[in-house]
Amino acid sequence: MHISAKVEYAVRALLVLAAHGGGPMSGVALSQEQDLPAKFLDGILAELRRNHIIVSQRGADGGYRLARDAATITLADIIRAIDGPLAAVRGEHPEETSYSGAASSLKDVWIAVRATLRSVLETTTLADVVSGKLPANVRKLVGDPDAWVSR
């Protein structure tokens, strides 16, 4: 899985909002808190607002805040808002692919990849990451020394 800079920046900015208890924060404050490029972050925040992950408030006390509780916003929600489906094959959903001959079982592999991504990303919320209390299935995966080996 490729995690784009847009997704990483979105998650980092949303974690800051979650850690600050939901009060509005300006885009500049968010970018400074995580050392993110302000102009790039502005576009990301606009996408998150369009996808109802955050809301914006104008005025002297304005800024951005989470649209709902951090415990209900999963990493999958954020990825889908910024980059679309978790797993796509040539821009299609895995179940829409079709193969023949030696590759006939490949669709099942793509479905399994998507299921594995979902098992982590749909169960991990902003609140989990901020608190450091990751779901048991994520802790188990991280606890495997082989998970830390780059290939």
C-alpha atoms as a PDB file:
ATOM      1  CA  MET A   1       0.000   0.000   0.000  1.00  0.00           C
ATOM      2  CA  HIS A   2       1.232   3.453  -0.875  1.00  0.00           C
ATOM      3  CA  ILE A   3       0.412   6.150   1.683  1.00  0.00           C
ATOM      4  CA  SER A   4       0.473   9.494  -0.098  1.00  0.00           C
ATOM      5  CA  ALA A   5       1.820  12.694   1.418  1.00  0.00           C
ATOM      6  CA  LYS A   6      -1.732  14.073   1.271  1.00  0.00           C
ATOM      7  CA  VAL A   7      -3.046  11.221   3.414  1.00  0.00           C
ATOM      8  CA  GLU A   8      -0.162  11.419   5.875  1.00  0.00           C
ATOM      9  CA  TYR A   9      -0.580  15.190   6.255  1.00  0.00           C
ATOM     10  CA  ALA A  10      -4.351  14.823   6.641  1.00  0.00           C
ATOM     11  CA  VAL A  11      -3.949  12.244   9.393  1.00  0.00           C
ATOM     12  CA  ARG A  12      -1.327  14.322  11.192  1.00  0.00           C
ATOM     13  CA  ALA A  13      -3.475  17.472  11.081  1.00  0.00           C
ATOM     14  CA  LEU A  14      -6.539  15.563  12.290  1.00  0.00           C
ATOM     15  CA  LEU A  15      -4.538  14.025  15.137  1.00  0.00           C
ATOM     16  CA  VAL A  16      -3.637  17.547  16.259  1.00  0.00           C
ATOM     17  CA  LEU A  17      -7.319  18.519  16.220  1.00  0.00           C
ATOM     18  CA  ALA A  18      -8.201  15.361  18.162  1.00  0.00           C
ATOM     19  CA  ALA A  19      -5.453  15.999  20.714  1.00  0.00           C
ATOM     20  CA  HIS A  20      -6.651  19.571  21.254  1.00  0.00           C
ATOM     21  CA  GLY A  21     -10.088  18.441  22.359  1.00  0.00           C
ATOM     22  CA  GLY A  22     -12.123  19.659  19.432  1.00  0.00           C
ATOM     23  CA  GLY A  23     -11.753  23.424  19.731  1.00  0.00           C
ATOM     24  CA  PRO A  24     -11.223  25.226  16.440  1.00  0.00           C
ATOM     25  CA  MET A  25      -7.668  25.640  15.190  1.00  0.00           C
ATOM     26  CA  SER A  26      -6.498  27.645  12.220  1.00  0.00           C
ATOM     27  CA  GLY A  27      -4.863  26.009   9.237  1.00  0.00           C
ATOM     28  CA  VAL A  28      -1.686  27.939  10.054  1.00  0.00           C
ATOM     29  CA  ALA A  29      -1.638  26.567  13.608  1.00  0.00           C
ATOM     30  CA  LEU A  30      -2.160  23.033  12.310  1.00  0.00           C
ATOM     31  CA  SER A  31       0.631  23.393   9.771  1.00  0.00           C
ATOM     32  CA  GLN A  32       3.011  24.831  12.377  1.00  0.00           C
ATOM     33  CA  GLU A  33       2.184  22.131  14.939  1.00  0.00           C
ATOM     34  CA  GLN A  34       3.285  19.360  12.557  1.00  0.00           C
ATOM     35  CA  ASP A  35       5.660  21.375  10.329  1.00  0.00           C
ATOM     36  CA  LEU A  36       3.472  20.872   7.249  1.00  0.00           C
ATOM     37  CA  PRO A  37       3.461  23.113   4.158  1.00  0.00           C
ATOM     38  CA  ALA A  38       0.604  25.564   4.806  1.00  0.00           C
ATOM     39  CA  LYS A  39      -0.626  25.964   1.210  1.00  0.00           C
ATOM     40  CA  PHE A  40      -0.650  22.207   0.617  1.00  0.00           C
ATOM     41  CA  LEU A  41      -2.450  21.669   3.918  1.00  0.00           C
ATOM     42  CA  ASP A  42      -5.107  24.254   2.972  1.00  0.00           C
ATOM     43  CA  GLY A  43      -6.119  22.097   0.009  1.00  0.00           C
ATOM     44  CA  ILE A  44      -6.180  18.978   2.155  1.00  0.00           C
ATOM     45  CA  LEU A  45      -8.337  20.696   4.780  1.00  0.00           C
ATOM     46  CA  ALA A  46     -10.775  21.751   2.051  1.00  0.00           C
ATOM     47  CA  GLU A  47     -11.073  18.102   0.926  1.00  0.00           C
ATOM     48  CA  LEU A  48     -11.630  16.960   4.502  1.00  0.00           C
ATOM     49  CA  ARG A  49     -14.342  19.595   4.904  1.00  0.00           C
ATOM     50  CA  ARG A  50     -16.059  18.550   1.653  1.00  0.00           C
ATOM     51  CA  ASN A  51     -16.015  14.955   2.896  1.00  0.00           C
ATOM     52  CA  HIS A  52     -17.507  15.906   6.296  1.00  0.00           C
ATOM     53  CA  ILE A  53     -14.458  14.891   8.353  1.00  0.00           C
ATOM     54  CA  ILE A  54     -13.975  18.454   9.634  1.00  0.00           C
ATOM     55  CA  VAL A  55     -16.041  21.606   9.762  1.00  0.00           C
ATOM     56  CA  SER A  56     -14.823  25.146   9.488  1.00  0.00           C
ATOM     57  CA  GLN A  57     -15.842  28.158  11.501  1.00  0.00           C
ATOM     58  CA  ARG A  58     -15.283  31.755  10.437  1.00  0.00           C
ATOM     59  CA  GLY A  59     -14.436  34.706  12.599  1.00  0.00           C
ATOM     60  CA  ALA A  60     -11.914  35.675  15.252  1.00  0.00           C
ATOM     61  CA  ASP A  61     -12.425  32.373  17.069  1.00  0.00           C
ATOM     62  CA  GLY A  62     -12.626  30.456  13.815  1.00  0.00           C
ATOM     63  CA  GLY A  63     -10.717  27.578  12.384  1.00  0.00           C
ATOM     64  CA  TYR A  64     -11.235  23.882  11.855  1.00  0.00           C
ATOM     65  CA  ARG A  65     -12.589  21.244  14.194  1.00  0.00           C
ATOM     66  CA  LEU A  66     -13.544  17.602  13.830  1.00  0.00           C
ATOM     67  CA  ALA A  67     -17.038  17.072  12.456  1.00  0.00           C
ATOM     68  CA  ARG A  68     -17.623  14.244  14.932  1.00  0.00           C
ATOM     69  CA  ASP A  69     -15.931  12.621  17.893  1.00  0.00           C
ATOM     70  CA  ALA A  70     -12.352  11.420  17.302  1.00  0.00           C
ATOM     71  CA  ALA A  71     -13.378   7.947  18.494  1.00  0.00           C
ATOM     72  CA  THR A  72     -15.651   7.622  15.452  1.00  0.00           C
ATOM     73  CA  ILE A  73     -13.237   8.787  12.741  1.00  0.00           C
ATOM     74  CA  THR A  74     -11.182   5.877  11.423  1.00  0.00           C
ATOM     75  CA  LEU A  75      -7.984   6.029   9.422  1.00  0.00           C
ATOM     76  CA  ALA A  76      -9.956   4.368   6.607  1.00  0.00           C
ATOM     77  CA  ASP A  77     -12.413   7.302   6.619  1.00  0.00           C
ATOM     78  CA  ILE A  78      -9.522   9.726   6.148  1.00  0.00           C
ATOM     79  CA  ILE A  79      -7.803   7.729   3.413  1.00  0.00           C
ATOM     80  CA  ARG A  80     -11.055   7.371   1.472  1.00  0.00           C
ATOM     81  CA  ALA A  81     -11.762  11.104   1.822  1.00  0.00           C
ATOM     82  CA  ILE A  82      -8.357  12.029   0.400  1.00  0.00           C
ATOM     83  CA  ASP A  83      -7.339   9.225  -1.978  1.00  0.00           C
ATOM     84  CA  GLY A  84     -10.462   7.143  -2.584  1.00  0.00           C
ATOM     85  CA  PRO A  85     -10.799   3.378  -2.048  1.00  0.00           C
ATOM     86  CA  LEU A  86      -8.331   1.572   0.208  1.00  0.00           C
ATOM     87  CA  ALA A  87      -7.493  -0.988  -2.465  1.00  0.00           C
ATOM     88  CA  ALA A  88      -7.905  -0.457  -6.170  1.00  0.00           C
ATOM     89  CA  VAL A  89      -6.595  -2.405  -9.132  1.00  0.00           C
ATOM     90  CA  ARG A  90      -6.049  -0.163 -12.136  1.00  0.00           C
ATOM     91  CA  GLY A  91      -8.642   2.194 -10.685  1.00  0.00           C
ATOM     92  CA  GLU A  92     -11.276  -0.526 -10.176  1.00  0.00           C
ATOM     93  CA  HIS A  93     -12.578  -2.149  -7.030  1.00  0.00           C
ATOM     94  CA  PRO A  94     -10.966  -5.590  -6.588  1.00  0.00           C
ATOM     95  CA  GLU A  95     -14.296  -7.408  -7.008  1.00  0.00           C
ATOM     96  CA  GLU A  96     -14.688  -5.803 -10.447  1.00  0.00           C
ATOM     97  CA  THR A  97     -11.515  -7.429 -11.781  1.00  0.00           C
ATOM     98  CA  SER A  98     -11.558 -10.553 -13.904  1.00  0.00           C
ATOM     99  CA  TYR A  99      -8.724 -12.901 -14.772  1.00  0.00           C
ATOM    100  CA  SER A 100      -8.406 -16.167 -16.645  1.00  0.00           C
ATOM    101  CA  GLY A 101      -6.011 -19.050 -16.867  1.00  0.00           C
ATOM    102  CA  ALA A 102      -3.004 -18.951 -14.562  1.00  0.00           C
ATOM    103  CA  ALA A 103      -4.196 -15.627 -13.070  1.00  0.00           C
ATOM    104  CA  SER A 104      -7.764 -16.762 -12.297  1.00  0.00           C
ATOM    105  CA  SER A 105      -7.188 -16.713  -8.506  1.00  0.00           C
ATOM    106  CA  LEU A 106      -5.656 -13.235  -8.535  1.00  0.00           C
ATOM    107  CA  LYS A 107      -8.988 -11.550  -7.775  1.00  0.00           C
ATOM    108  CA  ASP A 108      -9.101 -13.477  -4.477  1.00  0.00           C
ATOM    109  CA  VAL A 109      -5.649 -12.164  -3.575  1.00  0.00           C
ATOM    110  CA  TRP A 110      -6.732  -8.552  -4.193  1.00  0.00           C
ATOM    111  CA  ILE A 111      -9.863  -9.114  -2.089  1.00  0.00           C
ATOM    112  CA  ALA A 112      -7.697 -10.519   0.735  1.00  0.00           C
ATOM    113  CA  VAL A 113      -5.366  -7.514   0.536  1.00  0.00           C
ATOM    114  CA  ARG A 114      -8.347  -5.172   0.871  1.00  0.00           C
ATOM    115  CA  ALA A 115      -9.739  -7.197   3.798  1.00  0.00           C
ATOM    116  CA  THR A 116      -6.387  -7.000   5.578  1.00  0.00           C
ATOM    117  CA  LEU A 117      -6.184  -3.234   5.084  1.00  0.00           C
ATOM    118  CA  ARG A 118      -9.724  -2.874   6.385  1.00  0.00           C
ATOM    119  CA  SER A 119      -8.930  -4.964   9.473  1.00  0.00           C
ATOM    120  CA  VAL A 120      -6.394  -2.330  10.530  1.00  0.00           C
ATOM    121  CA  LEU A 121      -7.642   0.927   9.042  1.00  0.00           C
ATOM    122  CA  GLU A 122     -11.360   0.514   9.802  1.00  0.00           C
ATOM    123  CA  THR A 123     -10.689  -0.383  13.433  1.00  0.00           C
ATOM    124  CA  THR A 124      -8.142   2.319  14.257  1.00  0.00           C
ATOM    125  CA  THR A 125      -9.553   5.743  15.126  1.00  0.00           C
ATOM    126  CA  LEU A 126      -7.990   9.129  15.680  1.00  0.00           C
ATOM    127  CA  ALA A 127      -8.693   8.715  19.398  1.00  0.00           C
ATOM    128  CA  ASP A 128      -6.818   5.392  19.416  1.00  0.00           C
ATOM    129  CA  VAL A 129      -3.720   6.951  17.871  1.00  0.00           C
ATOM    130  CA  VAL A 130      -3.776  10.047  20.086  1.00  0.00           C
ATOM    131  CA  SER A 131      -4.135   7.934  23.227  1.00  0.00           C
ATOM    132  CA  GLY A 132      -1.596   5.359  22.099  1.00  0.00           C
ATOM    133  CA  LYS A 133      -4.163   2.647  22.866  1.00  0.00           C
ATOM    134  CA  LEU A 134      -4.259   0.907  19.516  1.00  0.00           C
ATOM    135  CA  PRO A 135      -6.741  -1.914  18.849  1.00  0.00           C
ATOM    136  CA  ALA A 136      -5.593  -5.409  19.890  1.00  0.00           C
ATOM    137  CA  ASN A 137      -5.322  -6.618  16.284  1.00  0.00           C
ATOM    138  CA  VAL A 138      -3.016  -3.694  15.446  1.00  0.00           C
ATOM    139  CA  ARG A 139      -0.887  -4.223  18.566  1.00  0.00           C
ATOM    140  CA  LYS A 140      -0.555  -7.897  17.655  1.00  0.00           C
ATOM    141  CA  LEU A 141       0.667  -7.051  14.148  1.00  0.00           C
ATOM    142  CA  VAL A 142       3.113  -4.441  15.434  1.00  0.00           C
ATOM    143  CA  GLY A 143       4.356  -6.907  18.047  1.00  0.00           C
ATOM    144  CA  ASP A 144       5.571  -9.301  15.360  1.00  0.00           C
ATOM    145  CA  PRO A 145       9.292  -8.570  14.840  1.00  0.00           C
ATOM    146  CA  ASP A 146       8.941  -9.491  11.178  1.00  0.00           C
ATOM    147  CA  ALA A 147       6.557  -6.546  10.716  1.00  0.00           C
ATOM    148  CA  TRP A 148       9.485  -4.186  11.297  1.00  0.00           C
ATOM    149  CA  VAL A 149      11.666  -5.701   8.575  1.00  0.00           C
ATOM    150  CA  SER A 150      11.708  -3.819   5.254  1.00  0.00           C
ATOM    151  CA  ARG A 151      11.644  -5.894   2.099  1.00  0.00           C
END
